[in-house]
Protein backbone atom coordinates (compact mmCIF):
# COMPACT_ATOMS: atom_id res chain seq x y z
CA MET A 1 20.33 23.82 5.04
CA ASN A 2 21.55 20.82 7.56
CA ASP A 3 24.61 22.68 7.68
CA GLU A 4 25.73 22.44 3.72
CA LEU A 5 26.51 24.40 1.87
CA VAL A 6 23.75 25.45 -0.66
CA GLY A 7 23.39 28.63 -1.34
CA SER A 8 25.64 32.51 -1.01
CA TYR A 9 24.50 36.19 -1.40
CA GLY A 10 20.99 35.54 -0.13
CA SER A 11 19.38 33.14 -1.96
CA PHE A 12 19.82 29.23 -2.41
CA ASN A 13 17.89 26.54 -4.44
CA LYS A 14 18.09 22.67 -3.40
CA SER A 15 16.52 19.56 -4.41
CA VAL A 16 16.15 17.72 -1.93
CA THR A 17 14.46 13.40 -1.83
CA LEU A 18 11.28 13.07 0.95
CA LYS A 19 11.75 9.94 2.63
CA GLU A 20 8.48 8.51 3.78
CA GLY A 21 7.53 10.32 7.13
CA ALA A 22 9.40 13.04 8.98
CA ASN A 23 11.71 14.88 6.96
CA VAL A 24 13.70 17.45 8.87
CA PHE A 25 15.95 20.43 7.76
CA THR A 26 17.91 23.12 9.69
CA PHE A 27 18.57 26.57 7.98
CA LYS A 28 21.20 28.81 8.89
CA ALA A 29 22.64 31.53 7.61
CA THR A 30 26.36 32.46 7.96
CA ASP A 31 28.11 35.89 7.20
CA ASN A 32 31.72 36.88 6.08
CA LEU A 33 32.77 37.33 9.10
CA GLY A 34 30.87 33.68 10.77
CA LYS A 35 29.05 35.11 12.18
CA SER A 36 25.65 33.14 11.44
CA SER A 37 22.06 33.30 12.29
CA GLU A 38 19.86 31.07 15.36
CA PRO A 39 19.17 28.10 12.81
CA VAL A 40 15.60 27.34 11.62
CA THR A 41 14.44 24.80 11.68
CA LYS A 42 11.54 23.37 9.14
CA THR A 43 9.89 20.02 8.96
CA ILE A 44 8.01 18.18 5.77
CA THR A 45 6.25 15.55 6.08
CA PHE A 46 5.63 12.87 3.61
CA SER A 47 3.18 11.22 3.25
CA VAL A 48 2.51 8.06 0.81
CA GLY A 49 -0.82 6.42 -0.04
CA ALA A 50 -1.38 2.98 -0.97
CA PRO A 51 -2.21 2.42 -4.59
CA VAL A 52 -5.90 2.36 -6.42
CA LEU A 53 -7.38 -0.77 -8.03
CA THR A 54 -10.31 -0.69 -10.28
CA LEU A 55 -11.36 -4.32 -11.49
CA ASP A 56 -13.76 -4.76 -14.85
CA TYR A 57 -16.75 -6.51 -14.40
CA THR A 58 -16.36 -9.92 -12.59
CA PRO A 59 -19.56 -12.02 -12.63
CA GLU A 60 -20.85 -13.78 -8.91
CA THR A 61 -21.50 -16.46 -10.68
CA THR A 62 -20.76 -17.63 -14.32
CA SER A 63 -22.48 -20.53 -15.85
CA ASN A 64 -19.01 -20.85 -18.19
CA LYS A 65 -15.43 -22.29 -17.35
CA GLN A 66 -13.22 -19.64 -19.44
CA LEU A 67 -13.22 -15.65 -17.47
CA THR A 68 -11.09 -13.49 -17.76
CA LEU A 69 -10.47 -11.07 -15.20
CA SER A 70 -9.29 -7.40 -15.98
CA GLY A 71 -8.39 -3.93 -15.05
CA ASN A 72 -6.40 -1.01 -14.38
CA ALA A 73 -4.24 0.18 -10.94
CA THR A 74 -3.71 4.09 -10.37
CA ASP A 75 -0.54 5.71 -7.90
CA LEU A 76 -0.05 9.41 -7.10
CA ASN A 77 3.32 8.28 -6.56
CA ASP A 78 4.86 5.77 -8.62
CA SER A 79 4.04 5.04 -12.82
CA ASN A 80 4.68 1.57 -12.62
CA PRO A 81 2.50 0.01 -9.64
CA LYS A 82 3.07 -3.84 -10.29
CA ILE A 83 -0.76 -6.52 -10.22
CA TYR A 84 -0.76 -9.14 -8.87
CA LEU A 85 -3.26 -12.29 -9.32
CA ASN A 86 -2.66 -14.61 -7.12
CA ASP A 87 0.74 -14.31 -5.80
CA GLU A 88 1.30 -13.98 -9.73
CA LEU A 89 2.44 -11.13 -11.03
CA VAL A 90 -0.01 -10.64 -13.66
CA GLY A 91 0.65 -7.28 -14.72
CA SER A 92 2.54 -3.55 -14.15
CA TYR A 93 2.21 0.11 -15.88
CA GLY A 94 -1.04 -0.09 -14.52
CA SER A 95 -3.21 -2.53 -16.04
CA PHE A 96 -3.76 -6.52 -16.13
CA TYR A 97 -5.56 -8.60 -18.16
CA LYS A 98 -5.86 -12.17 -17.22
CA SER A 99 -7.55 -15.27 -18.80
CA VAL A 100 -8.22 -17.79 -15.73
CA THR A 101 -9.83 -21.38 -16.31
CA LEU A 102 -12.11 -22.06 -13.51
CA ALA A 103 -12.86 -25.52 -11.07
CA GLU A 104 -16.51 -26.07 -9.91
CA GLY A 105 -18.13 -24.21 -7.13
CA SER A 106 -16.02 -21.30 -5.16
CA ASN A 107 -13.01 -19.54 -6.89
CA LYS A 108 -11.20 -17.46 -5.29
CA PHE A 109 -8.89 -14.24 -6.69
CA VAL A 110 -6.75 -12.06 -4.55
CA PHE A 111 -5.46 -8.83 -6.44
CA LYS A 112 -2.88 -7.17 -5.08
CA VAL A 113 -1.30 -3.71 -5.80
CA THR A 114 1.86 -2.58 -4.63
CA ASN A 115 4.25 0.49 -5.24
CA SER A 116 7.26 1.25 -4.98
CA PHE A 117 7.15 2.97 -1.31
CA GLY A 118 6.52 -0.96 -0.01
CA LYS A 119 2.02 -0.03 0.11
CA VAL A 120 -0.71 -2.42 -1.12
CA THR A 121 -3.85 -2.73 -1.17
CA THR A 122 -6.00 -5.97 -1.38
CA VAL A 123 -8.74 -6.84 -3.30
CA GLU A 124 -10.39 -10.49 -3.16
CA LYS A 125 -13.52 -11.65 -5.33
CA THR A 126 -15.03 -15.28 -5.63
CA VAL A 127 -16.49 -16.06 -8.50
CA ILE A 128 -18.86 -19.22 -8.33
CA TYR A 129 -19.03 -21.71 -11.67
CA THR A 130 -21.94 -23.64 -12.35
CA PRO A 131 -21.88 -25.24 -15.64
CA ALA A 132 -25.12 -25.63 -17.60
CA PRO A 133 -27.00 -28.80 -17.92
CA SER A 134 -25.64 -30.90 -20.68
CA LYS A 135 -28.48 -31.08 -23.31
CA GLU A 136 -29.45 -34.82 -24.10
């Protein structure tokens, strides 16, 4: 396989690590007299998807100054996706839980999940904080 001896006696077994994209393998057999078969080329295309982010309930508006943001990320090719909130690492191994203090008005949150293959999923949420009127 690709000019490397990978078997004998009519069979072979070889583990390979695929890179993203096209992975080309060329096979040929050579007998004990040195005669070779015509090369056979096979291509395996490995495509990595982006991680999936699922956020727990995030209100669009609130009268609470404190808010807990949470959720989880899944990835078929990476058991340890990294989760960022406004560029701060807030979780790995697929989940996060972060308490935040809101400023009055619009509060924008950018969630990013990355996997070890460099694929990224981004979700943006905006929460509007309006303090409850004071009771006098």
